[in-house]
């Protein structure tokens, strides 16, 4: 693997507190979502630490954007 490939695969991982700020929820809410599986919001465990990929958070927010009030 070349250095360019490694750089291309680099992800911007953010901690739970930062992820919560991005999503405008509390870190406790993220914890509940993880434990209940309420939303399909992927996360990474590094030992006891929880990390979120910023690009995944942005994509998740985009996928929840609605043009109308319909929830279907």
N, C-alpha and C. Protein backbone atom coordinates (compact mmCIF):
# COMPACT_ATOMS: atom_id res chain seq x y z
N UNK A 1 0.85 -1.17 0.00
CA UNK A 1 0.00 0.00 0.00
C UNK A 1 0.90 1.24 0.00
N UNK A 2 0.56 2.18 -0.88
CA UNK A 2 1.35 3.40 -0.97
C UNK A 2 0.85 4.41 0.06
N UNK A 3 1.64 5.43 0.28
CA UNK A 3 1.27 6.47 1.23
C UNK A 3 0.00 7.19 0.77
N UNK A 4 -0.17 7.35 -0.54
CA UNK A 4 -1.37 7.99 -1.08
C UNK A 4 -2.62 7.17 -0.77
N UNK A 5 -2.50 5.84 -0.82
CA UNK A 5 -3.63 4.98 -0.49
C UNK A 5 -3.97 5.09 0.99
N UNK A 6 -2.94 5.15 1.82
CA UNK A 6 -3.17 5.29 3.25
C UNK A 6 -3.86 6.62 3.55
N UNK A 7 -3.39 7.69 2.94
CA UNK A 7 -3.99 9.01 3.15
C UNK A 7 -5.44 9.00 2.67
N UNK A 8 -5.71 8.35 1.56
CA UNK A 8 -7.06 8.27 1.02
C UNK A 8 -8.01 7.53 1.94
N UNK A 9 -7.50 6.60 2.73
CA UNK A 9 -8.34 5.82 3.63
C UNK A 9 -8.44 6.44 5.02
N UNK A 10 -7.75 7.53 5.26
CA UNK A 10 -7.79 8.17 6.57
C UNK A 10 -9.19 8.70 6.84
N UNK A 11 -9.68 8.36 8.01
CA UNK A 11 -11.00 8.82 8.43
C UNK A 11 -10.83 9.82 9.55
N UNK A 12 -11.72 10.76 9.58
CA UNK A 12 -11.72 11.73 10.67
C UNK A 12 -12.65 11.21 11.76
N UNK A 13 -12.06 10.59 12.78
CA UNK A 13 -12.86 10.07 13.88
C UNK A 13 -12.99 11.14 14.95
N UNK A 14 -14.22 11.29 15.45
CA UNK A 14 -14.48 12.26 16.50
C UNK A 14 -15.01 11.53 17.72
N UNK A 15 -14.80 12.12 18.88
CA UNK A 15 -15.27 11.48 20.11
C UNK A 15 -16.78 11.69 20.27
N UNK A 16 -17.33 11.04 21.28
CA UNK A 16 -18.77 11.07 21.50
C UNK A 16 -19.29 12.49 21.75
N UNK A 17 -18.54 13.27 22.49
CA UNK A 17 -18.96 14.64 22.81
C UNK A 17 -19.04 15.49 21.53
N UNK A 18 -18.03 15.35 20.68
CA UNK A 18 -18.02 16.11 19.42
C UNK A 18 -19.13 15.63 18.50
N UNK A 19 -19.33 14.31 18.42
CA UNK A 19 -20.40 13.76 17.59
C UNK A 19 -21.76 14.28 18.07
N UNK A 20 -21.94 14.34 19.36
CA UNK A 20 -23.20 14.84 19.91
C UNK A 20 -23.43 16.30 19.52
N UNK A 21 -22.37 17.10 19.53
CA UNK A 21 -22.49 18.50 19.12
C UNK A 21 -22.88 18.61 17.66
N UNK A 22 -22.26 17.77 16.81
CA UNK A 22 -22.56 17.78 15.38
C UNK A 22 -24.03 17.46 15.15
N UNK A 23 -24.56 16.50 15.91
CA UNK A 23 -25.94 16.06 15.73
C UNK A 23 -26.94 16.86 16.57
N UNK A 24 -26.42 17.75 17.41
CA UNK A 24 -27.25 18.58 18.29
C UNK A 24 -28.08 17.73 19.25
N UNK A 25 -27.44 16.72 19.82
CA UNK A 25 -28.05 15.88 20.86
C UNK A 25 -27.05 15.76 22.00
N UNK A 26 -27.45 15.15 23.10
CA UNK A 26 -26.52 14.97 24.21
C UNK A 26 -25.72 13.68 24.01
N UNK A 27 -24.53 13.60 24.62
CA UNK A 27 -23.77 12.35 24.57
C UNK A 27 -24.58 11.17 25.14
N UNK A 28 -25.42 11.44 26.14
CA UNK A 28 -26.27 10.40 26.70
C UNK A 28 -27.26 9.85 25.67
N UNK A 29 -27.77 10.73 24.82
CA UNK A 29 -28.67 10.29 23.75
C UNK A 29 -27.95 9.35 22.80
N UNK A 30 -26.72 9.69 22.44
CA UNK A 30 -25.94 8.80 21.57
C UNK A 30 -25.73 7.44 22.23
N UNK A 31 -25.49 7.45 23.52
CA UNK A 31 -25.30 6.20 24.25
C UNK A 31 -26.56 5.34 24.20
N UNK A 32 -27.71 5.97 24.38
CA UNK A 32 -28.98 5.24 24.31
C UNK A 32 -29.20 4.69 22.90
N UNK A 33 -28.93 5.50 21.89
CA UNK A 33 -29.08 5.04 20.51
C UNK A 33 -28.20 3.83 20.23
N UNK A 34 -26.96 3.85 20.75
CA UNK A 34 -26.04 2.72 20.54
C UNK A 34 -26.58 1.47 21.22
N UNK A 35 -27.01 1.61 22.47
CA UNK A 35 -27.42 0.43 23.24
C UNK A 35 -28.74 -0.16 22.77
N UNK A 36 -29.63 0.68 22.25
CA UNK A 36 -30.93 0.19 21.82
C UNK A 36 -30.98 -0.11 20.32
N UNK A 37 -30.01 0.41 19.57
CA UNK A 37 -30.02 0.23 18.12
C UNK A 37 -31.14 1.04 17.46
N UNK A 38 -31.56 2.09 18.12
CA UNK A 38 -32.67 2.89 17.60
C UNK A 38 -32.40 3.42 16.20
N UNK A 39 -31.21 3.91 15.96
CA UNK A 39 -30.82 4.41 14.64
C UNK A 39 -29.61 3.64 14.16
N UNK A 40 -29.53 3.48 12.85
CA UNK A 40 -28.38 2.81 12.26
C UNK A 40 -27.26 3.85 12.08
N UNK A 41 -26.61 4.16 13.18
CA UNK A 41 -25.54 5.15 13.19
C UNK A 41 -24.25 4.45 13.59
N UNK A 42 -23.45 4.05 12.60
CA UNK A 42 -22.24 3.28 12.90
C UNK A 42 -21.25 4.03 13.80
N UNK A 43 -20.57 3.29 14.65
CA UNK A 43 -19.55 3.85 15.53
C UNK A 43 -18.42 2.84 15.64
N UNK A 44 -17.29 3.29 16.14
CA UNK A 44 -16.11 2.45 16.31
C UNK A 44 -15.74 2.42 17.78
N UNK A 45 -15.46 1.23 18.28
CA UNK A 45 -15.00 1.09 19.66
C UNK A 45 -13.48 0.91 19.62
N UNK A 46 -12.80 1.71 20.41
CA UNK A 46 -11.35 1.62 20.58
C UNK A 46 -11.13 1.39 22.07
N UNK A 47 -11.13 0.12 22.46
CA UNK A 47 -11.10 -0.17 23.89
C UNK A 47 -12.41 0.28 24.49
N UNK A 48 -12.35 1.15 25.50
CA UNK A 48 -13.57 1.69 26.10
C UNK A 48 -14.06 2.95 25.41
N UNK A 49 -13.26 3.47 24.50
CA UNK A 49 -13.61 4.72 23.82
C UNK A 49 -14.52 4.47 22.64
N UNK A 50 -15.44 5.40 22.43
CA UNK A 50 -16.35 5.34 21.29
C UNK A 50 -15.98 6.48 20.35
N UNK A 51 -15.88 6.15 19.07
CA UNK A 51 -15.54 7.15 18.06
C UNK A 51 -16.53 7.07 16.91
N UNK A 52 -16.81 8.21 16.30
CA UNK A 52 -17.69 8.30 15.15
C UNK A 52 -16.91 8.89 13.98
N UNK A 53 -17.16 8.37 12.79
CA UNK A 53 -16.56 8.90 11.57
C UNK A 53 -17.36 10.13 11.17
N UNK A 54 -16.70 11.27 11.06
CA UNK A 54 -17.40 12.53 10.75
C UNK A 54 -18.13 12.43 9.43
N UNK A 55 -17.55 11.80 8.43
CA UNK A 55 -18.20 11.66 7.12
C UNK A 55 -19.49 10.83 7.26
N UNK A 56 -19.48 9.83 8.12
CA UNK A 56 -20.68 9.01 8.34
C UNK A 56 -21.76 9.83 9.04
N UNK A 57 -21.36 10.66 10.00
CA UNK A 57 -22.33 11.53 10.67
C UNK A 57 -22.99 12.48 9.67
N UNK A 58 -22.17 13.08 8.80
CA UNK A 58 -22.70 13.99 7.79
C UNK A 58 -23.65 13.27 6.84
N UNK A 59 -23.28 12.07 6.41
CA UNK A 59 -24.12 11.29 5.50
C UNK A 59 -25.43 10.89 6.20
N UNK A 60 -25.34 10.54 7.48
CA UNK A 60 -26.53 10.17 8.24
C UNK A 60 -27.50 11.35 8.33
N UNK A 61 -26.96 12.53 8.61
CA UNK A 61 -27.80 13.72 8.66
C UNK A 61 -28.44 13.98 7.30
N UNK A 62 -27.67 13.86 6.24
CA UNK A 62 -28.21 14.07 4.89
C UNK A 62 -29.33 13.09 4.59
N UNK A 63 -29.18 11.85 5.03
CA UNK A 63 -30.20 10.83 4.75
C UNK A 63 -31.49 11.10 5.50
N UNK A 64 -31.45 11.90 6.53
CA UNK A 64 -32.63 12.19 7.34
C UNK A 64 -33.30 13.51 6.93
N UNK A 65 -32.75 14.18 5.93
CA UNK A 65 -33.31 15.44 5.45
C UNK A 65 -34.58 15.17 4.66
N UNK A 66 -35.64 15.87 4.99
CA UNK A 66 -36.93 15.69 4.34
C UNK A 66 -37.33 16.96 3.60
N UNK A 67 -38.04 16.78 2.50
CA UNK A 67 -38.55 17.91 1.73
C UNK A 67 -39.98 18.25 2.13
N UNK A 68 -40.67 17.28 2.75
CA UNK A 68 -42.05 17.49 3.19
C UNK A 68 -42.19 16.98 4.60
N UNK A 69 -43.36 17.10 5.15
CA UNK A 69 -43.63 16.62 6.50
C UNK A 69 -43.87 15.12 6.57
N UNK A 70 -43.91 14.46 5.42
CA UNK A 70 -44.16 13.01 5.39
C UNK A 70 -43.02 12.28 6.05
N UNK A 71 -43.35 11.28 6.86
CA UNK A 71 -42.30 10.52 7.57
C UNK A 71 -42.07 9.16 6.95
N UNK A 72 -42.73 8.83 5.89
CA UNK A 72 -42.57 7.51 5.27
C UNK A 72 -41.30 7.40 4.49
